[in-house]
């Protein structure tokens, strides 16, 4: 498994926006293709060493941008087309 990108604590960009940017790049590059499931909030917490609210903010940001959809009880996915 490839090592995840690391957040930069000295970057003035909030941590949740840095992580959302990583996932946005994965969506735009096709690494996370339509229909692909995003890492869960717990996985985001563990991967990046962030708090639960930070992980939630990452998913919320991508959802607000229309880049992902959350299906209750199933997870968060990259929508088709």
PDB file of N, CA and C in Angstrom:
ATOM      1  N   UNK A   1       0.847  -1.183   0.000  1.00  0.00           N
ATOM      2  CA  UNK A   1       0.000   0.000   0.000  1.00  0.00           C
ATOM      3  C   UNK A   1       0.889   1.243   0.000  1.00  0.00           C
ATOM      4  N   UNK A   2       0.522   2.198  -0.832  1.00  0.00           N
ATOM      5  CA  UNK A   2       1.311   3.428  -0.928  1.00  0.00           C
ATOM      6  C   UNK A   2       1.132   4.261   0.335  1.00  0.00           C
ATOM      7  N   UNK A   3       2.188   4.936   0.682  1.00  0.00           N
ATOM      8  CA  UNK A   3       2.142   5.809   1.857  1.00  0.00           C
ATOM      9  C   UNK A   3       1.235   7.005   1.558  1.00  0.00           C
ATOM     10  N   UNK A   4       0.326   7.329   2.474  1.00  0.00           N
ATOM     11  CA  UNK A   4      -0.577   8.459   2.214  1.00  0.00           C
ATOM     12  C   UNK A   4       0.177   9.786   2.194  1.00  0.00           C
ATOM     13  N   UNK A   5      -0.370  10.716   1.483  1.00  0.00           N
ATOM     14  CA  UNK A   5       0.210  12.058   1.503  1.00  0.00           C
ATOM     15  C   UNK A   5       0.054  12.617   2.910  1.00  0.00           C
ATOM     16  N   UNK A   6       0.936  13.493   3.267  1.00  0.00           N
ATOM     17  CA  UNK A   6       0.916  14.024   4.630  1.00  0.00           C
ATOM     18  C   UNK A   6       0.448  15.469   4.633  1.00  0.00           C
ATOM     19  N   UNK A   7      -0.318  15.793   5.658  1.00  0.00           N
ATOM     20  CA  UNK A   7      -0.730  17.181   5.828  1.00  0.00           C
ATOM     21  C   UNK A   7       0.463  17.989   6.313  1.00  0.00           C
ATOM     22  N   UNK A   8       0.456  19.265   5.990  1.00  0.00           N
ATOM     23  CA  UNK A   8       1.536  20.161   6.389  1.00  0.00           C
ATOM     24  C   UNK A   8       1.035  21.063   7.509  1.00  0.00           C
ATOM     25  N   UNK A   9       1.469  20.817   8.749  1.00  0.00           N
ATOM     26  CA  UNK A   9       0.970  21.623   9.866  1.00  0.00           C
ATOM     27  C   UNK A   9       1.381  23.098   9.776  1.00  0.00           C
ATOM     28  N   UNK A  10       2.358  23.421   8.954  1.00  0.00           N
ATOM     29  CA  UNK A  10       2.808  24.807   8.801  1.00  0.00           C
ATOM     30  C   UNK A  10       2.088  25.527   7.680  1.00  0.00           C
ATOM     31  N   UNK A  11       1.332  24.790   6.894  1.00  0.00           N
ATOM     32  CA  UNK A  11       0.550  25.392   5.816  1.00  0.00           C
ATOM     33  C   UNK A  11      -0.640  26.118   6.439  1.00  0.00           C
ATOM     34  N   UNK A  12      -0.905  27.364   6.041  1.00  0.00           N
ATOM     35  CA  UNK A  12      -2.051  28.081   6.615  1.00  0.00           C
ATOM     36  C   UNK A  12      -3.405  27.495   6.191  1.00  0.00           C
ATOM     37  N   UNK A  13      -3.409  26.616   5.185  1.00  0.00           N
ATOM     38  CA  UNK A  13      -4.643  25.959   4.767  1.00  0.00           C
ATOM     39  C   UNK A  13      -5.093  25.003   5.869  1.00  0.00           C
ATOM     40  N   UNK A  14      -6.350  25.093   6.300  1.00  0.00           N
ATOM     41  CA  UNK A  14      -6.818  24.179   7.349  1.00  0.00           C
ATOM     42  C   UNK A  14      -6.596  22.708   6.959  1.00  0.00           C
ATOM     43  N   UNK A  15      -6.328  21.899   7.962  1.00  0.00           N
ATOM     44  CA  UNK A  15      -6.025  20.479   7.742  1.00  0.00           C
ATOM     45  C   UNK A  15      -7.138  19.787   6.949  1.00  0.00           C
ATOM     46  N   UNK A  16      -8.396  20.072   7.295  1.00  0.00           N
ATOM     47  CA  UNK A  16      -9.489  19.381   6.599  1.00  0.00           C
ATOM     48  C   UNK A  16      -9.505  19.726   5.114  1.00  0.00           C
ATOM     49  N   UNK A  17      -9.113  20.949   4.769  1.00  0.00           N
ATOM     50  CA  UNK A  17      -9.062  21.323   3.360  1.00  0.00           C
ATOM     51  C   UNK A  17      -7.882  20.666   2.646  1.00  0.00           C
ATOM     52  N   UNK A  18      -6.780  20.465   3.366  1.00  0.00           N
ATOM     53  CA  UNK A  18      -5.644  19.753   2.763  1.00  0.00           C
ATOM     54  C   UNK A  18      -6.051  18.321   2.414  1.00  0.00           C
ATOM     55  N   UNK A  19      -6.710  17.642   3.366  1.00  0.00           N
ATOM     56  CA  UNK A  19      -7.113  16.251   3.140  1.00  0.00           C
ATOM     57  C   UNK A  19      -8.178  16.182   2.050  1.00  0.00           C
ATOM     58  N   UNK A  20      -9.138  17.100   2.081  1.00  0.00           N
ATOM     59  CA  UNK A  20     -10.153  17.132   1.022  1.00  0.00           C
ATOM     60  C   UNK A  20      -9.479  17.313  -0.336  1.00  0.00           C
ATOM     61  N   UNK A  21      -8.423  18.118  -0.374  1.00  0.00           N
ATOM     62  CA  UNK A  21      -7.676  18.312  -1.619  1.00  0.00           C
ATOM     63  C   UNK A  21      -7.035  17.024  -2.112  1.00  0.00           C
ATOM     64  N   UNK A  22      -6.494  16.230  -1.191  1.00  0.00           N
ATOM     65  CA  UNK A  22      -5.898  14.939  -1.580  1.00  0.00           C
ATOM     66  C   UNK A  22      -6.957  14.049  -2.227  1.00  0.00           C
ATOM     67  N   UNK A  23      -8.125  13.964  -1.571  1.00  0.00           N
ATOM     68  CA  UNK A  23      -9.188  13.104  -2.088  1.00  0.00           C
ATOM     69  C   UNK A  23      -9.765  13.664  -3.390  1.00  0.00           C
ATOM     70  N   UNK A  24      -9.867  14.985  -3.487  1.00  0.00           N
ATOM     71  CA  UNK A  24     -10.333  15.620  -4.725  1.00  0.00           C
ATOM     72  C   UNK A  24      -9.399  15.254  -5.879  1.00  0.00           C
ATOM     73  N   UNK A  25      -8.089  15.305  -5.635  1.00  0.00           N
ATOM     74  CA  UNK A  25      -7.114  14.916  -6.667  1.00  0.00           C
ATOM     75  C   UNK A  25      -7.317  13.467  -7.085  1.00  0.00           C
ATOM     76  N   UNK A  26      -7.598  12.597  -6.109  1.00  0.00           N
ATOM     77  CA  UNK A  26      -7.832  11.184  -6.429  1.00  0.00           C
ATOM     78  C   UNK A  26      -9.076  11.003  -7.293  1.00  0.00           C
ATOM     79  N   UNK A  27     -10.103  11.811  -7.031  1.00  0.00           N
ATOM     80  CA  UNK A  27     -11.326  11.736  -7.831  1.00  0.00           C
ATOM     81  C   UNK A  27     -11.060  12.255  -9.240  1.00  0.00           C
ATOM     82  N   UNK A  28     -10.406  13.404  -9.334  1.00  0.00           N
ATOM     83  CA  UNK A  28     -10.140  14.008 -10.642  1.00  0.00           C
ATOM     84  C   UNK A  28      -9.203  13.170 -11.496  1.00  0.00           C
ATOM     85  N   UNK A  29      -8.266  12.469 -10.862  1.00  0.00           N
ATOM     86  CA  UNK A  29      -7.312  11.651 -11.619  1.00  0.00           C
ATOM     87  C   UNK A  29      -7.889  10.296 -12.020  1.00  0.00           C
ATOM     88  N   UNK A  30      -9.026   9.940 -11.415  1.00  0.00           N
ATOM     89  CA  UNK A  30      -9.616   8.631 -11.705  1.00  0.00           C
ATOM     90  C   UNK A  30      -9.177   7.554 -10.741  1.00  0.00           C
ATOM     91  N   UNK A  31      -8.284   7.887  -9.837  1.00  0.00           N
ATOM     92  CA  UNK A  31      -7.867   6.903  -8.826  1.00  0.00           C
ATOM     93  C   UNK A  31      -9.081   6.458  -8.009  1.00  0.00           C
ATOM     94  N   UNK A  32      -9.975   7.405  -7.731  1.00  0.00           N
ATOM     95  CA  UNK A  32     -11.278   7.090  -7.155  1.00  0.00           C
ATOM     96  C   UNK A  32     -12.289   7.324  -8.274  1.00  0.00           C
ATOM     97  N   UNK A  33     -12.633   6.255  -8.981  1.00  0.00           N
ATOM     98  CA  UNK A  33     -13.511   6.335 -10.146  1.00  0.00           C
ATOM     99  C   UNK A  33     -14.972   6.441  -9.719  1.00  0.00           C
ATOM    100  N   UNK A  34     -15.844   6.827 -10.649  1.00  0.00           N
ATOM    101  CA  UNK A  34     -17.269   6.834 -10.329  1.00  0.00           C
ATOM    102  C   UNK A  34     -17.702   5.484  -9.756  1.00  0.00           C
ATOM    103  N   UNK A  35     -18.435   5.552  -8.659  1.00  0.00           N
ATOM    104  CA  UNK A  35     -18.881   4.343  -7.973  1.00  0.00           C
ATOM    105  C   UNK A  35     -17.951   3.895  -6.861  1.00  0.00           C
ATOM    106  N   UNK A  36     -16.728   4.452  -6.826  1.00  0.00           N
ATOM    107  CA  UNK A  36     -15.759   4.070  -5.791  1.00  0.00           C
ATOM    108  C   UNK A  36     -16.189   4.637  -4.440  1.00  0.00           C
ATOM    109  N   UNK A  37     -15.915   3.858  -3.406  1.00  0.00           N
ATOM    110  CA  UNK A  37     -16.230   4.299  -2.053  1.00  0.00           C
ATOM    111  C   UNK A  37     -15.051   5.063  -1.473  1.00  0.00           C
ATOM    112  N   UNK A  38     -15.350   6.193  -0.858  1.00  0.00           N
ATOM    113  CA  UNK A  38     -14.324   6.975  -0.160  1.00  0.00           C
ATOM    114  C   UNK A  38     -13.929   6.253   1.119  1.00  0.00           C
ATOM    115  N   UNK A  39     -12.739   6.534   1.651  1.00  0.00           N
ATOM    116  CA  UNK A  39     -12.406   5.994   2.968  1.00  0.00           C
ATOM    117  C   UNK A  39     -13.447   6.492   3.974  1.00  0.00           C
ATOM    118  N   UNK A  40     -13.732   5.665   4.958  1.00  0.00           N
ATOM    119  CA  UNK A  40     -14.689   6.061   5.992  1.00  0.00           C
ATOM    120  C   UNK A  40     -14.075   7.171   6.845  1.00  0.00           C
ATOM    121  N   UNK A  41     -14.925   7.817   7.637  1.00  0.00           N
ATOM    122  CA  UNK A  41     -14.416   8.860   8.536  1.00  0.00           C
ATOM    123  C   UNK A  41     -13.378   8.274   9.479  1.00  0.00           C
ATOM    124  N   UNK A  42     -13.621   7.066   9.952  1.00  0.00           N
ATOM    125  CA  UNK A  42     -12.666   6.418  10.856  1.00  0.00           C
ATOM    126  C   UNK A  42     -11.332   6.170  10.148  1.00  0.00           C
ATOM    127  N   UNK A  43     -11.386   5.744   8.891  1.00  0.00           N
ATOM    128  CA  UNK A  43     -10.153   5.521   8.126  1.00  0.00           C
ATOM    129  C   UNK A  43      -9.409   6.835   7.903  1.00  0.00           C
ATOM    130  N   UNK A  44     -10.139   7.906   7.638  1.00  0.00           N
ATOM    131  CA  UNK A  44      -9.500   9.217   7.467  1.00  0.00           C
ATOM    132  C   UNK A  44      -8.822   9.612   8.778  1.00  0.00           C
ATOM    133  N   UNK A  45      -9.519   9.406   9.900  1.00  0.00           N
ATOM    134  CA  UNK A  45      -8.935   9.714  11.211  1.00  0.00           C
ATOM    135  C   UNK A  45      -7.617   8.974  11.409  1.00  0.00           C
ATOM    136  N   UNK A  46      -7.638   7.685  11.143  1.00  0.00           N
ATOM    137  CA  UNK A  46      -6.457   6.847  11.385  1.00  0.00           C
ATOM    138  C   UNK A  46      -5.332   7.160  10.400  1.00  0.00           C
ATOM    139  N   UNK A  47      -5.667   7.376   9.142  1.00  0.00           N
ATOM    140  CA  UNK A  47      -4.654   7.622   8.121  1.00  0.00           C
ATOM    141  C   UNK A  47      -3.907   8.932   8.357  1.00  0.00           C
ATOM    142  N   UNK A  48      -4.657   9.969   8.712  1.00  0.00           N
ATOM    143  CA  UNK A  48      -4.056  11.291   8.826  1.00  0.00           C
ATOM    144  C   UNK A  48      -3.856  11.756  10.265  1.00  0.00           C
ATOM    145  N   UNK A  49      -4.277  10.949  11.234  1.00  0.00           N
ATOM    146  CA  UNK A  49      -4.089  11.303  12.638  1.00  0.00           C
ATOM    147  C   UNK A  49      -4.875  12.543  13.036  1.00  0.00           C
ATOM    148  N   UNK A  50      -6.120  12.612  12.566  1.00  0.00           N
ATOM    149  CA  UNK A  50      -6.955  13.772  12.850  1.00  0.00           C
ATOM    150  C   UNK A  50      -8.148  13.374  13.715  1.00  0.00           C
ATOM    151  N   UNK A  51      -8.805  14.383  14.243  1.00  0.00           N
ATOM    152  CA  UNK A  51      -9.973  14.171  15.092  1.00  0.00           C
ATOM    153  C   UNK A  51     -11.197  13.803  14.245  1.00  0.00           C
ATOM    154  N   UNK A  52     -12.186  13.253  14.917  1.00  0.00           N
ATOM    155  CA  UNK A  52     -13.423  12.837  14.261  1.00  0.00           C
ATOM    156  C   UNK A  52     -14.084  14.002  13.518  1.00  0.00           C
ATOM    157  N   UNK A  53     -14.152  15.164  14.150  1.00  0.00           N
ATOM    158  CA  UNK A  53     -14.781  16.325  13.509  1.00  0.00           C
ATOM    159  C   UNK A  53     -14.024  16.770  12.265  1.00  0.00           C
ATOM    160  N   UNK A  54     -12.710  16.626  12.273  1.00  0.00           N
ATOM    161  CA  UNK A  54     -11.913  16.973  11.092  1.00  0.00           C
ATOM    162  C   UNK A  54     -12.261  16.034   9.945  1.00  0.00           C
ATOM    163  N   UNK A  55     -12.345  14.736  10.236  1.00  0.00           N
ATOM    164  CA  UNK A  55     -12.702  13.754   9.208  1.00  0.00           C
ATOM    165  C   UNK A  55     -14.097  14.050   8.662  1.00  0.00           C
ATOM    166  N   UNK A  56     -15.022  14.413   9.544  1.00  0.00           N
ATOM    167  CA  UNK A  56     -16.375  14.753   9.099  1.00  0.00           C
ATOM    168  C   UNK A  56     -16.368  15.982   8.208  1.00  0.00           C
ATOM    169  N   UNK A  57     -15.540  16.957   8.548  1.00  0.00           N
ATOM    170  CA  UNK A  57     -15.446  18.176   7.749  1.00  0.00           C
ATOM    171  C   UNK A  57     -14.916  17.878   6.352  1.00  0.00           C
ATOM    172  N   UNK A  58     -13.997  16.919   6.239  1.00  0.00           N
ATOM    173  CA  UNK A  58     -13.458  16.515   4.930  1.00  0.00           C
ATOM    174  C   UNK A  58     -14.593  15.995   4.053  1.00  0.00           C
ATOM    175  N   UNK A  59     -15.361  15.064   4.585  1.00  0.00           N
ATOM    176  CA  UNK A  59     -16.451  14.459   3.820  1.00  0.00           C
ATOM    177  C   UNK A  59     -17.507  15.514   3.499  1.00  0.00           C
ATOM    178  N   UNK A  60     -17.841  16.359   4.466  1.00  0.00           N
ATOM    179  CA  UNK A  60     -18.840  17.414   4.257  1.00  0.00           C
ATOM    180  C   UNK A  60     -18.411  18.351   3.126  1.00  0.00           C
ATOM    181  N   UNK A  61     -17.137  18.736   3.115  1.00  0.00           N
ATOM    182  CA  UNK A  61     -16.619  19.638   2.078  1.00  0.00           C
ATOM    183  C   UNK A  61     -16.789  19.011   0.691  1.00  0.00           C
ATOM    184  N   UNK A  62     -16.389  17.767   0.537  1.00  0.00           N
ATOM    185  CA  UNK A  62     -16.497  17.094  -0.756  1.00  0.00           C
ATOM    186  C   UNK A  62     -17.957  16.898  -1.159  1.00  0.00           C
ATOM    187  N   UNK A  63     -18.815  16.627  -0.183  1.00  0.00           N
ATOM    188  CA  UNK A  63     -20.242  16.473  -0.462  1.00  0.00           C
ATOM    189  C   UNK A  63     -20.838  17.817  -0.897  1.00  0.00           C
ATOM    190  N   UNK A  64     -20.465  18.900  -0.209  1.00  0.00           N
ATOM    191  CA  UNK A  64     -20.961  20.231  -0.559  1.00  0.00           C
ATOM    192  C   UNK A  64     -20.516  20.649  -1.962  1.00  0.00           C
ATOM    193  N   UNK A  65     -19.357  20.175  -2.391  1.00  0.00           N
ATOM    194  CA  UNK A  65     -18.854  20.463  -3.739  1.00  0.00           C
ATOM    195  C   UNK A  65     -19.528  19.599  -4.799  1.00  0.00           C
ATOM    196  N   UNK A  66     -20.295  18.588  -4.369  1.00  0.00           N
ATOM    197  CA  UNK A  66     -20.946  17.680  -5.308  1.00  0.00           C
ATOM    198  C   UNK A  66     -20.033  16.597  -5.837  1.00  0.00           C
ATOM    199  N   UNK A  67     -18.881  16.423  -5.197  1.00  0.00           N
ATOM    200  CA  UNK A  67     -17.919  15.418  -5.673  1.00  0.00           C
ATOM    201  C   UNK A  67     -18.202  14.029  -5.125  1.00  0.00           C
ATOM    202  N   UNK A  68     -18.971  13.947  -4.030  1.00  0.00           N
ATOM    203  CA  UNK A  68     -19.323  12.660  -3.437  1.00  0.00           C
ATOM    204  C   UNK A  68     -20.772  12.721  -2.958  1.00  0.00           C
ATOM    205  N   UNK A  69     -21.350  11.537  -2.774  1.00  0.00           N
ATOM    206  CA  UNK A  69     -22.673  11.410  -2.178  1.00  0.00           C
ATOM    207  C   UNK A  69     -22.575  10.408  -1.038  1.00  0.00           C
ATOM    208  N   UNK A  70     -23.310  10.682   0.023  1.00  0.00           N
ATOM    209  CA  UNK A  70     -23.334   9.777   1.163  1.00  0.00           C
ATOM    210  C   UNK A  70     -24.661   9.035   1.158  1.00  0.00           C
ATOM    211  N   UNK A  71     -24.579   7.714   1.206  1.00  0.00           N
ATOM    212  CA  UNK A  71     -25.760   6.868   1.267  1.00  0.00           C
ATOM    213  C   UNK A  71     -25.844   6.320   2.688  1.00  0.00           C
ATOM    214  N   UNK A  72     -26.850   6.728   3.454  1.00  0.00           N
ATOM    215  CA  UNK A  72     -26.950   6.312   4.856  1.00  0.00           C
ATOM    216  C   UNK A  72     -26.822   4.798   5.024  1.00  0.00           C
ATOM    217  N   UNK A  73     -25.971   4.431   5.942  1.00  0.00           N
ATOM    218  CA  UNK A  73     -25.762   3.013   6.242  1.00  0.00           C
ATOM    219  C   UNK A  73     -24.873   2.288   5.247  1.00  0.00           C
ATOM    220  N   UNK A  74     -24.440   2.961   4.176  1.00  0.00           N
ATOM    221  CA  UNK A  74     -23.620   2.300   3.153  1.00  0.00           C
ATOM    222  C   UNK A  74     -22.254   2.935   2.992  1.00  0.00           C
ATOM    223  N   UNK A  75     -22.189   4.261   3.112  1.00  0.00           N
ATOM    224  CA  UNK A  75     -20.907   4.942   2.965  1.00  0.00           C
ATOM    225  C   UNK A  75     -21.001   6.131   2.037  1.00  0.00           C
ATOM    226  N   UNK A  76     -19.841   6.650   1.684  1.00  0.00           N
ATOM    227  CA  UNK A  76     -19.738   7.828   0.817  1.00  0.00           C
ATOM    228  C   UNK A  76     -19.052   7.396  -0.472  1.00  0.00           C
ATOM    229  N   UNK A  77     -19.643   7.789  -1.602  1.00  0.00           N
ATOM    230  CA  UNK A  77     -19.198   7.310  -2.897  1.00  0.00           C
ATOM    231  C   UNK A  77     -19.009   8.448  -3.891  1.00  0.00           C
ATOM    232  N   UNK A  78     -18.167   8.195  -4.891  1.00  0.00           N
ATOM    233  CA  UNK A  78     -18.025   9.106  -6.029  1.00  0.00           C
ATOM    234  C   UNK A  78     -19.227   8.808  -6.928  1.00  0.00           C
ATOM    235  N   UNK A  79     -20.046   9.829  -7.228  1.00  0.00           N
ATOM    236  CA  UNK A  79     -21.231   9.561  -8.030  1.00  0.00           C
ATOM    237  C   UNK A  79     -20.875   9.261  -9.494  1.00  0.00           C
ATOM    238  N   UNK A  80     -21.739   8.513 -10.159  1.00  0.00           N
ATOM    239  CA  UNK A  80     -21.497   8.242 -11.581  1.00  0.00           C
ATOM    240  C   UNK A  80     -21.669   9.523 -12.407  1.00  0.00           C
ATOM    241  N   UNK A  81     -20.893   9.580 -13.481  1.00  0.00           N
ATOM    242  CA  UNK A  81     -20.979  10.664 -14.451  1.00  0.00           C
ATOM    243  C   UNK A  81     -20.933  11.977 -13.841  1.00  0.00           C
TER     244      UNK A  81
END
